Structures are given as structure tokens and as C-alpha cells.
Amino acid sequence: MPQAFWIAHVEVTDPERYALYARGATEAIAAHGGKFLARAGRYVQLEGKDRARNVVAIFPSLEAAVECYHSLAYQAALVHAQGAAARDLVVVEAAE
């Protein structure tokens, strides 16, 4: 089963609330086998909407990433991101 990438592009508008989200999301992602590859590092925007925070995590499978998103732990963390950031999130299966 191919691994999957969780890719988020984020514009944080309330850093304190977003920090609460980040703590809870980090735990939920790790609990589902996810590992961060990139998290708010340097970047160059070549096309599309610029959002200063870019996050890439790898999961054992697409199903594990989606299960993480729908988990009680992640949904509890996500409450803190709502109204604290504009986000785009996609899960992409890796090429075999």
C-alpha cells in the first residue's frame, strides 16, 4: 500500500489559538503514524495563492491520513484552527 502525503497551506490569523490547534494536531498525526517532513520552513511561492505556513506530513497510507483527519483527537484540535487560520488541506497518495 503506498504512503500518502498530507499537505496543508495555511495563513494564520490568530497565532495563540492556532498554537492550540498545532499541539493537538501534532499528537493526533503521530498517533496515526504520521511524520512531519516540512513544517513552516523556508519556501518559494511559484504559482497560486501564497500562504506563509506550509506543512507536509507522510502517513503509512491514504486511509491512515483520512482516518487521522476524522479522529476525535484531530477534530478536537481542529476546533482551535477554525477562525484562527485560512487553510487548504489535501491528502495525496504517493507514487509507487
PDB file of N, CA and C in Angstrom:
ATOM      1  N   MET A   1       0.857  -1.178   0.000  1.00  0.00           N
ATOM      2  CA  MET A   1       0.000   0.000   0.000  1.00  0.00           C
ATOM      3  C   MET A   1       0.902   1.239   0.000  1.00  0.00           C
ATOM      4  N   PRO A   2       0.678   2.167  -0.922  1.00  0.00           N
ATOM      5  CA  PRO A   2       1.521   3.366  -0.986  1.00  0.00           C
ATOM      6  C   PRO A   2       1.312   4.294   0.214  1.00  0.00           C
ATOM      7  N   GLN A   3       2.367   4.992   0.552  1.00  0.00           N
ATOM      8  CA  GLN A   3       2.273   6.018   1.582  1.00  0.00           C
ATOM      9  C   GLN A   3       1.475   7.202   1.024  1.00  0.00           C
ATOM     10  N   ALA A   4       1.151   8.164   1.902  1.00  0.00           N
ATOM     11  CA  ALA A   4       0.392   9.329   1.458  1.00  0.00           C
ATOM     12  C   ALA A   4       0.944  10.578   2.122  1.00  0.00           C
ATOM     13  N   PHE A   5       0.812  11.687   1.406  1.00  0.00           N
ATOM     14  CA  PHE A   5       1.264  12.987   1.901  1.00  0.00           C
ATOM     15  C   PHE A   5       0.059  13.832   2.294  1.00  0.00           C
ATOM     16  N   TRP A   6       0.141  14.427   3.463  1.00  0.00           N
ATOM     17  CA  TRP A   6      -0.859  15.371   3.996  1.00  0.00           C
ATOM     18  C   TRP A   6      -0.230  16.729   3.758  1.00  0.00           C
ATOM     19  N   ILE A   7      -0.833  17.555   2.924  1.00  0.00           N
ATOM     20  CA  ILE A   7      -0.241  18.828   2.528  1.00  0.00           C
ATOM     21  C   ILE A   7      -1.200  19.958   2.894  1.00  0.00           C
ATOM     22  N   ALA A   8      -0.718  20.874   3.722  1.00  0.00           N
ATOM     23  CA  ALA A   8      -1.541  21.999   4.164  1.00  0.00           C
ATOM     24  C   ALA A   8      -0.846  23.309   3.819  1.00  0.00           C
ATOM     25  N   HIS A   9      -1.629  24.255   3.343  1.00  0.00           N
ATOM     26  CA  HIS A   9      -1.170  25.621   3.081  1.00  0.00           C
ATOM     27  C   HIS A   9      -2.021  26.505   3.981  1.00  0.00           C
ATOM     28  N   VAL A  10      -1.356  27.275   4.858  1.00  0.00           N
ATOM     29  CA  VAL A  10      -2.070  27.945   5.938  1.00  0.00           C
ATOM     30  C   VAL A  10      -1.658  29.409   6.058  1.00  0.00           C
ATOM     31  N   GLU A  11      -2.653  30.248   6.294  1.00  0.00           N
ATOM     32  CA  GLU A  11      -2.419  31.645   6.656  1.00  0.00           C
ATOM     33  C   GLU A  11      -2.987  31.813   8.070  1.00  0.00           C
ATOM     34  N   VAL A  12      -2.108  31.943   9.036  1.00  0.00           N
ATOM     35  CA  VAL A  12      -2.526  32.052  10.438  1.00  0.00           C
ATOM     36  C   VAL A  12      -2.961  33.485  10.731  1.00  0.00           C
ATOM     37  N   THR A  13      -4.157  33.625  11.305  1.00  0.00           N
ATOM     38  CA  THR A  13      -4.674  34.947  11.662  1.00  0.00           C
ATOM     39  C   THR A  13      -4.743  35.160  13.172  1.00  0.00           C
ATOM     40  N   ASP A  14      -4.683  34.081  13.947  1.00  0.00           N
ATOM     41  CA  ASP A  14      -4.702  34.151  15.406  1.00  0.00           C
ATOM     42  C   ASP A  14      -3.673  33.153  15.935  1.00  0.00           C
ATOM     43  N   PRO A  15      -2.419  33.600  16.113  1.00  0.00           N
ATOM     44  CA  PRO A  15      -1.339  32.685  16.489  1.00  0.00           C
ATOM     45  C   PRO A  15      -1.574  31.928  17.800  1.00  0.00           C
ATOM     46  N   GLU A  16      -2.188  32.547  18.778  1.00  0.00           N
ATOM     47  CA  GLU A  16      -2.411  31.864  20.062  1.00  0.00           C
ATOM     48  C   GLU A  16      -3.379  30.696  19.908  1.00  0.00           C
ATOM     49  N   ARG A  17      -4.496  30.927  19.234  1.00  0.00           N
ATOM     50  CA  ARG A  17      -5.456  29.832  19.012  1.00  0.00           C
ATOM     51  C   ARG A  17      -4.864  28.773  18.093  1.00  0.00           C
ATOM     52  N   TYR A  18      -4.129  29.209  17.089  1.00  0.00           N
ATOM     53  CA  TYR A  18      -3.554  28.241  16.161  1.00  0.00           C
ATOM     54  C   TYR A  18      -2.515  27.363  16.852  1.00  0.00           C
ATOM     55  N   ALA A  19      -1.811  27.903  17.826  1.00  0.00           N
ATOM     56  CA  ALA A  19      -0.844  27.112  18.587  1.00  0.00           C
ATOM     57  C   ALA A  19      -1.540  25.976  19.336  1.00  0.00           C
ATOM     58  N   LEU A  20      -2.740  26.228  19.840  1.00  0.00           N
ATOM     59  CA  LEU A  20      -3.514  25.163  20.493  1.00  0.00           C
ATOM     60  C   LEU A  20      -3.858  24.066  19.492  1.00  0.00           C
ATOM     61  N   TYR A  21      -4.250  24.473  18.289  1.00  0.00           N
ATOM     62  CA  TYR A  21      -4.518  23.502  17.228  1.00  0.00           C
ATOM     63  C   TYR A  21      -3.259  22.686  16.932  1.00  0.00           C
ATOM     64  N   ALA A  22      -2.136  23.366  16.754  1.00  0.00           N
ATOM     65  CA  ALA A  22      -0.892  22.691  16.357  1.00  0.00           C
ATOM     66  C   ALA A  22      -0.482  21.638  17.378  1.00  0.00           C
ATOM     67  N   ARG A  23      -0.630  21.942  18.663  1.00  0.00           N
ATOM     68  CA  ARG A  23      -0.267  20.955  19.694  1.00  0.00           C
ATOM     69  C   ARG A  23      -1.140  19.710  19.590  1.00  0.00           C
ATOM     70  N   GLY A  24      -2.432  19.898  19.503  1.00  0.00           N
ATOM     71  CA  GLY A  24      -3.339  18.759  19.409  1.00  0.00           C
ATOM     72  C   GLY A  24      -3.199  17.999  18.109  1.00  0.00           C
ATOM     73  N   ALA A  25      -3.017  18.720  17.014  1.00  0.00           N
ATOM     74  CA  ALA A  25      -2.867  18.076  15.707  1.00  0.00           C
ATOM     75  C   ALA A  25      -1.593  17.251  15.646  1.00  0.00           C
ATOM     76  N   THR A  26      -0.522  17.756  16.241  1.00  0.00           N
ATOM     77  CA  THR A  26       0.752  17.025  16.250  1.00  0.00           C
ATOM     78  C   THR A  26       0.574  15.664  16.920  1.00  0.00           C
ATOM     79  N   GLU A  27      -0.115  15.650  18.044  1.00  0.00           N
ATOM     80  CA  GLU A  27      -0.346  14.388  18.759  1.00  0.00           C
ATOM     81  C   GLU A  27      -1.222  13.443  17.950  1.00  0.00           C
ATOM     82  N   ALA A  28      -2.281  13.968  17.347  1.00  0.00           N
ATOM     83  CA  ALA A  28      -3.186  13.134  16.556  1.00  0.00           C
ATOM     84  C   ALA A  28      -2.473  12.557  15.338  1.00  0.00           C
ATOM     85  N   ILE A  29      -1.683  13.366  14.676  1.00  0.00           N
ATOM     86  CA  ILE A  29      -0.953  12.909  13.491  1.00  0.00           C
ATOM     87  C   ILE A  29       0.030  11.804  13.863  1.00  0.00           C
ATOM     88  N   ALA A  30       0.774  11.983  14.934  1.00  0.00           N
ATOM     89  CA  ALA A  30       1.729  10.958  15.383  1.00  0.00           C
ATOM     90  C   ALA A  30       1.000   9.669  15.761  1.00  0.00           C
ATOM     91  N   ALA A  31      -0.153   9.786  16.396  1.00  0.00           N
ATOM     92  CA  ALA A  31      -0.920   8.609  16.813  1.00  0.00           C
ATOM     93  C   ALA A  31      -1.407   7.781  15.628  1.00  0.00           C
ATOM     94  N   HIS A  32      -1.475   8.393  14.447  1.00  0.00           N
ATOM     95  CA  HIS A  32      -1.910   7.691  13.243  1.00  0.00           C
ATOM     96  C   HIS A  32      -0.744   7.359  12.314  1.00  0.00           C
ATOM     97  N   GLY A  33       0.451   7.399  12.842  1.00  0.00           N
ATOM     98  CA  GLY A  33       1.633   7.018  12.064  1.00  0.00           C
ATOM     99  C   GLY A  33       2.184   8.118  11.186  1.00  0.00           C
ATOM    100  N   GLY A  34       1.696   9.341  11.345  1.00  0.00           N
ATOM    101  CA  GLY A  34       2.172  10.451  10.530  1.00  0.00           C
ATOM    102  C   GLY A  34       3.472  11.031  11.062  1.00  0.00           C
ATOM    103  N   LYS A  35       4.313  11.489  10.138  1.00  0.00           N
ATOM    104  CA  LYS A  35       5.596  12.130  10.478  1.00  0.00           C
ATOM    105  C   LYS A  35       5.738  13.378   9.626  1.00  0.00           C
ATOM    106  N   PHE A  36       6.165  14.454  10.265  1.00  0.00           N
ATOM    107  CA  PHE A  36       6.322  15.717   9.535  1.00  0.00           C
ATOM    108  C   PHE A  36       7.593  15.707   8.695  1.00  0.00           C
ATOM    109  N   LEU A  37       7.454  16.136   7.442  1.00  0.00           N
ATOM    110  CA  LEU A  37       8.590  16.303   6.541  1.00  0.00           C
ATOM    111  C   LEU A  37       8.948  17.773   6.397  1.00  0.00           C
ATOM    112  N   ALA A  38       7.944  18.632   6.470  1.00  0.00           N
ATOM    113  CA  ALA A  38       8.147  20.091   6.374  1.00  0.00           C
ATOM    114  C   ALA A  38       7.087  20.748   7.235  1.00  0.00           C
ATOM    115  N   ARG A  39       7.519  21.810   7.928  1.00  0.00           N
ATOM    116  CA  ARG A  39       6.580  22.488   8.819  1.00  0.00           C
ATOM    117  C   ARG A  39       7.018  23.937   8.975  1.00  0.00           C
ATOM    118  N   ALA A  40       6.405  24.815   8.184  1.00  0.00           N
ATOM    119  CA  ALA A  40       6.645  26.251   8.275  1.00  0.00           C
ATOM    120  C   ALA A  40       8.091  26.654   7.985  1.00  0.00           C
ATOM    121  N   GLY A  41       8.764  25.890   7.154  1.00  0.00           N
ATOM    122  CA  GLY A  41      10.131  26.240   6.775  1.00  0.00           C
ATOM    123  C   GLY A  41      10.156  27.244   5.630  1.00  0.00           C
ATOM    124  N   ARG A  42      11.338  27.516   5.161  1.00  0.00           N
ATOM    125  CA  ARG A  42      11.502  28.424   4.018  1.00  0.00           C
ATOM    126  C   ARG A  42      10.802  27.842   2.805  1.00  0.00           C
ATOM    127  N   TYR A  43      10.297  28.724   1.949  1.00  0.00           N
ATOM    128  CA  TYR A  43       9.619  28.279   0.737  1.00  0.00           C
ATOM    129  C   TYR A  43       9.694  29.380  -0.318  1.00  0.00           C
ATOM    130  N   VAL A  44       9.404  29.008  -1.541  1.00  0.00           N
ATOM    131  CA  VAL A  44       9.282  29.955  -2.647  1.00  0.00           C
ATOM    132  C   VAL A  44       7.939  29.685  -3.308  1.00  0.00           C
ATOM    133  N   GLN A  45       7.076  30.684  -3.357  1.00  0.00           N
ATOM    134  CA  GLN A  45       5.768  30.555  -3.994  1.00  0.00           C
ATOM    135  C   GLN A  45       5.940  30.807  -5.482  1.00  0.00           C
ATOM    136  N   LEU A  46       5.719  29.800  -6.294  1.00  0.00           N
ATOM    137  CA  LEU A  46       5.892  29.942  -7.739  1.00  0.00           C
ATOM    138  C   LEU A  46       4.572  30.194  -8.465  1.00  0.00           C
ATOM    139  N   GLU A  47       3.482  29.634  -7.959  1.00  0.00           N
ATOM    140  CA  GLU A  47       2.166  29.834  -8.566  1.00  0.00           C
ATOM    141  C   GLU A  47       1.115  29.757  -7.469  1.00  0.00           C
ATOM    142  N   GLY A  48      -0.052  30.287  -7.746  1.00  0.00           N
ATOM    143  CA  GLY A  48      -1.177  30.151  -6.837  1.00  0.00           C
ATOM    144  C   GLY A  48      -1.130  31.097  -5.647  1.00  0.00           C
ATOM    145  N   LYS A  49      -2.029  30.854  -4.697  1.00  0.00           N
ATOM    146  CA  LYS A  49      -2.173  31.705  -3.513  1.00  0.00           C
ATOM    147  C   LYS A  49      -1.034  31.467  -2.538  1.00  0.00           C
ATOM    148  N   ASP A  50      -0.436  32.547  -2.102  1.00  0.00           N
ATOM    149  CA  ASP A  50       0.667  32.479  -1.140  1.00  0.00           C
ATOM    150  C   ASP A  50       0.109  32.374   0.274  1.00  0.00           C
ATOM    151  N   ARG A  51       0.523  31.361   0.994  1.00  0.00           N
ATOM    152  CA  ARG A  51       0.202  31.209   2.416  1.00  0.00           C
ATOM    153  C   ARG A  51       1.506  30.867   3.110  1.00  0.00           C
ATOM    154  N   ALA A  52       1.831  31.618   4.133  1.00  0.00           N
ATOM    155  CA  ALA A  52       3.167  31.574   4.727  1.00  0.00           C
ATOM    156  C   ALA A  52       3.493  30.289   5.473  1.00  0.00           C
ATOM    157  N   ARG A  53       2.504  29.521   5.862  1.00  0.00           N
ATOM    158  CA  ARG A  53       2.783  28.280   6.595  1.00  0.00           C
ATOM    159  C   ARG A  53       2.426  27.103   5.692  1.00  0.00           C
ATOM    160  N   ASN A  54       3.410  26.274   5.408  1.00  0.00           N
ATOM    161  CA  ASN A  54       3.228  25.099   4.567  1.00  0.00           C
ATOM    162  C   ASN A  54       3.670  23.879   5.358  1.00  0.00           C
ATOM    163  N   VAL A  55       2.817  22.862   5.383  1.00  0.00           N
ATOM    164  CA  VAL A  55       3.080  21.676   6.186  1.00  0.00           C
ATOM    165  C   VAL A  55       2.938  20.441   5.308  1.00  0.00           C
ATOM    166  N   VAL A  56       3.913  19.537   5.413  1.00  0.00           N
ATOM    167  CA  VAL A  56       3.842  18.254   4.714  1.00  0.00           C
ATOM    168  C   VAL A  56       4.137  17.162   5.737  1.00  0.00           C
ATOM    169  N   ALA A  57       3.210  16.207   5.840  1.00  0.00           N
ATOM    170  CA  ALA A  57       3.412  15.045   6.698  1.00  0.00           C
ATOM    171  C   ALA A  57       3.231  13.808   5.841  1.00  0.00           C
ATOM    172  N   ILE A  58       3.925  12.754   6.205  1.00  0.00           N
ATOM    173  CA  ILE A  58       3.777  11.491   5.481  1.00  0.00           C
ATOM    174  C   ILE A  58       3.097  10.492   6.401  1.00  0.00           C
ATOM    175  N   PHE A  59       2.176   9.735   5.843  1.00  0.00           N
ATOM    176  CA  PHE A  59       1.423   8.711   6.564  1.00  0.00           C
ATOM    177  C   PHE A  59       1.663   7.357   5.908  1.00  0.00           C
ATOM    178  N   PRO A  60       1.423   6.285   6.644  1.00  0.00           N
ATOM    179  CA  PRO A  60       1.610   4.943   6.069  1.00  0.00           C
ATOM    180  C   PRO A  60       0.708   4.683   4.859  1.00  0.00           C
ATOM    181  N   SER A  61      -0.446   5.348   4.804  1.00  0.00           N
ATOM    182  CA  SER A  61      -1.376   5.147   3.690  1.00  0.00           C
ATOM    183  C   SER A  61      -2.336   6.327   3.617  1.00  0.00           C
ATOM    184  N   LEU A  62      -3.023   6.444   2.501  1.00  0.00           N
ATOM    185  CA  LEU A  62      -4.053   7.465   2.344  1.00  0.00           C
ATOM    186  C   LEU A  62      -5.149   7.246   3.388  1.00  0.00           C
ATOM    187  N   GLU A  63      -5.495   5.980   3.618  1.00  0.00           N
ATOM    188  CA  GLU A  63      -6.546   5.668   4.582  1.00  0.00           C
ATOM    189  C   GLU A  63      -6.155   6.106   5.994  1.00  0.00           C
ATOM    190  N   ALA A  64      -4.889   5.928   6.371  1.00  0.00           N
ATOM    191  CA  ALA A  64      -4.432   6.352   7.702  1.00  0.00           C
ATOM    192  C   ALA A  64      -4.525   7.859   7.857  1.00  0.00           C
ATOM    193  N   ALA A  65      -4.198   8.605   6.810  1.00  0.00           N
ATOM    194  CA  ALA A  65      -4.273  10.070   6.866  1.00  0.00           C
ATOM    195  C   ALA A  65      -5.721  10.535   6.992  1.00  0.00           C
ATOM    196  N   VAL A  66      -6.606   9.937   6.231  1.00  0.00           N
ATOM    197  CA  VAL A  66      -8.018  10.313   6.293  1.00  0.00           C
ATOM    198  C   VAL A  66      -8.605   9.908   7.642  1.00  0.00           C
ATOM    199  N   GLU A  67      -8.225   8.747   8.146  1.00  0.00           N
ATOM    200  CA  GLU A  67      -8.673   8.313   9.471  1.00  0.00           C
ATOM    201  C   GLU A  67      -8.205   9.300  10.540  1.00  0.00           C
ATOM    202  N   CYS A  68      -6.977   9.783  10.420  1.00  0.00           N
ATOM    203  CA  CYS A  68      -6.455  10.779  11.352  1.00  0.00           C
ATOM    204  C   CYS A  68      -7.332  12.027  11.320  1.00  0.00           C
ATOM    205  N   TYR A  69      -7.628  12.520  10.138  1.00  0.00           N
ATOM    206  CA  TYR A  69      -8.427  13.739   9.999  1.00  0.00           C
ATOM    207  C   TYR A  69      -9.776  13.592  10.701  1.00  0.00           C
ATOM    208  N   HIS A  70     -10.392  12.452  10.570  1.00  0.00           N
ATOM    209  CA  HIS A  70     -11.725  12.232  11.134  1.00  0.00           C
ATOM    210  C   HIS A  70     -11.699  11.764  12.591  1.00  0.00           C
ATOM    211  N   SER A  71     -10.508  11.554  13.143  1.00  0.00           N
ATOM    212  CA  SER A  71     -10.405  11.061  14.525  1.00  0.00           C
ATOM    213  C   SER A  71     -10.908  12.107  15.521  1.00  0.00           C
ATOM    214  N   LEU A  72     -11.341  11.635  16.666  1.00  0.00           N
ATOM    215  CA  LEU A  72     -11.806  12.531  17.722  1.00  0.00           C
ATOM    216  C   LEU A  72     -10.696  13.490  18.151  1.00  0.00           C
ATOM    217  N   ALA A  73      -9.467  12.988  18.249  1.00  0.00           N
ATOM    218  CA  ALA A  73      -8.350  13.835  18.697  1.00  0.00           C
ATOM    219  C   ALA A  73      -8.075  14.962  17.705  1.00  0.00           C
ATOM    220  N   TYR A  74      -8.053  14.630  16.411  1.00  0.00           N
ATOM    221  CA  TYR A  74      -7.779  15.680  15.422  1.00  0.00           C
ATOM    222  C   TYR A  74      -8.939  16.671  15.351  1.00  0.00           C
ATOM    223  N   GLN A  75     -10.160  16.182  15.381  1.00  0.00           N
ATOM    224  CA  GLN A  75     -11.316  17.079  15.310  1.00  0.00           C
ATOM    225  C   GLN A  75     -11.361  18.015  16.522  1.00  0.00           C
ATOM    226  N   ALA A  76     -10.936  17.526  17.686  1.00  0.00           N
ATOM    227  CA  ALA A  76     -10.864  18.386  18.874  1.00  0.00           C
ATOM    228  C   ALA A  76      -9.827  19.481  18.679  1.00  0.00           C
ATOM    229  N   ALA A  77      -8.710  19.145  18.053  1.00  0.00           N
ATOM    230  CA  ALA A  77      -7.673  20.150  17.768  1.00  0.00           C
ATOM    231  C   ALA A  77      -8.159  21.134  16.709  1.00  0.00           C
ATOM    232  N   LEU A  78      -8.852  20.636  15.706  1.00  0.00           N
ATOM    233  CA  LEU A  78      -9.293  21.451  14.582  1.00  0.00           C
ATOM    234  C   LEU A  78     -10.209  22.600  15.014  1.00  0.00           C
ATOM    235  N   VAL A  79     -10.939  22.422  16.089  1.00  0.00           N
ATOM    236  CA  VAL A  79     -11.805  23.482  16.618  1.00  0.00           C
ATOM    237  C   VAL A  79     -10.998  24.760  16.852  1.00  0.00           C
ATOM    238  N   HIS A  80      -9.744  24.615  17.295  1.00  0.00           N
ATOM    239  CA  HIS A  80      -8.896  25.780  17.577  1.00  0.00           C
ATOM    240  C   HIS A  80      -8.414  26.472  16.302  1.00  0.00           C
ATOM    241  N   ALA A  81      -8.346  25.747  15.197  1.00  0.00           N
ATOM    242  CA  ALA A  81      -7.905  26.348  13.935  1.00  0.00           C
ATOM    243  C   ALA A  81      -9.016  27.138  13.266  1.00  0.00           C
ATOM    244  N   GLN A  82     -10.250  26.759  13.529  1.00  0.00           N
ATOM    245  CA  GLN A  82     -11.387  27.436  12.906  1.00  0.00           C
ATOM    246  C   GLN A  82     -11.462  28.873  13.418  1.00  0.00           C
ATOM    247  N   GLY A  83     -11.434  29.806  12.497  1.00  0.00           N
ATOM    248  CA  GLY A  83     -11.436  31.216  12.843  1.00  0.00           C
ATOM    249  C   GLY A  83     -10.057  31.746  13.200  1.00  0.00           C
ATOM    250  N   ALA A  84      -9.055  30.870  13.247  1.00  0.00           N
ATOM    251  CA  ALA A  84      -7.684  31.272  13.572  1.00  0.00           C
ATOM    252  C   ALA A  84      -6.757  31.156  12.373  1.00  0.00           C
ATOM    253  N   ALA A  85      -7.297  30.641  11.249  1.00  0.00           N
ATOM    254  CA  ALA A  85      -6.457  30.455  10.067  1.00  0.00           C
ATOM    255  C   ALA A  85      -7.330  30.193   8.846  1.00  0.00           C
ATOM    256  N   ALA A  86      -6.802  30.567   7.684  1.00  0.00           N
ATOM    257  CA  ALA A  86      -7.367  30.150   6.406  1.00  0.00           C
ATOM    258  C   ALA A  86      -6.486  29.002   5.938  1.00  0.00           C
ATOM    259  N   ARG A  87      -7.103  27.877   5.580  1.00  0.00           N
ATOM    260  CA  ARG A  87      -6.319  26.677   5.294  1.00  0.00           C
ATOM    261  C   ARG A  87      -6.829  25.950   4.060  1.00  0.00           C
ATOM    262  N   ASP A  88      -5.915  25.328   3.378  1.00  0.00           N
ATOM    263  CA  ASP A  88      -6.235  24.336   2.357  1.00  0.00           C
ATOM    264  C   ASP A  88      -5.514  23.072   2.784  1.00  0.00           C
ATOM    265  N   LEU A  89      -6.191  21.934   2.705  1.00  0.00           N
ATOM    266  CA  LEU A  89      -5.607  20.667   3.119  1.00  0.00           C
ATOM    267  C   LEU A  89      -5.972  19.597   2.101  1.00  0.00           C
ATOM    268  N   VAL A  90      -4.973  18.857   1.668  1.00  0.00           N
ATOM    269  CA  VAL A  90      -5.204  17.766   0.723  1.00  0.00           C
ATOM    270  C   VAL A  90      -4.340  16.591   1.159  1.00  0.00           C
ATOM    271  N   VAL A  91      -4.829  15.384   0.897  1.00  0.00           N
ATOM    272  CA  VAL A  91      -4.056  14.164   1.114  1.00  0.00           C
ATOM    273  C   VAL A  91      -3.837  13.545  -0.247  1.00  0.00           C
ATOM    274  N   VAL A  92      -2.575  13.244  -0.569  1.00  0.00           N
ATOM    275  CA  VAL A  92      -2.204  12.732  -1.886  1.00  0.00           C
ATOM    276  C   VAL A  92      -1.444  11.430  -1.722  1.00  0.00           C
ATOM    277  N   GLU A  93      -1.894  10.403  -2.419  1.00  0.00           N
ATOM    278  CA  GLU A  93      -1.205   9.129  -2.375  1.00  0.00           C
ATOM    279  C   GLU A  93       0.120   9.225  -3.135  1.00  0.00           C
ATOM    280  N   ALA A  94       1.164   8.650  -2.573  1.00  0.00           N
ATOM    281  CA  ALA A  94       2.485   8.678  -3.193  1.00  0.00           C
ATOM    282  C   ALA A  94       2.515   7.724  -4.394  1.00  0.00           C
ATOM    283  N   ALA A  95       3.365   8.055  -5.358  1.00  0.00           N
ATOM    284  CA  ALA A  95       3.569   7.180  -6.498  1.00  0.00           C
ATOM    285  C   ALA A  95       4.312   5.935  -6.021  1.00  0.00           C
ATOM    286  N   GLU A  96       3.977   4.825  -6.596  1.00  0.00           N
ATOM    287  CA  GLU A  96       4.647   3.574  -6.214  1.00  0.00           C
ATOM    288  C   GLU A  96       5.928   3.421  -6.979  1.00  0.00           C
TER     289      GLU A  96
END
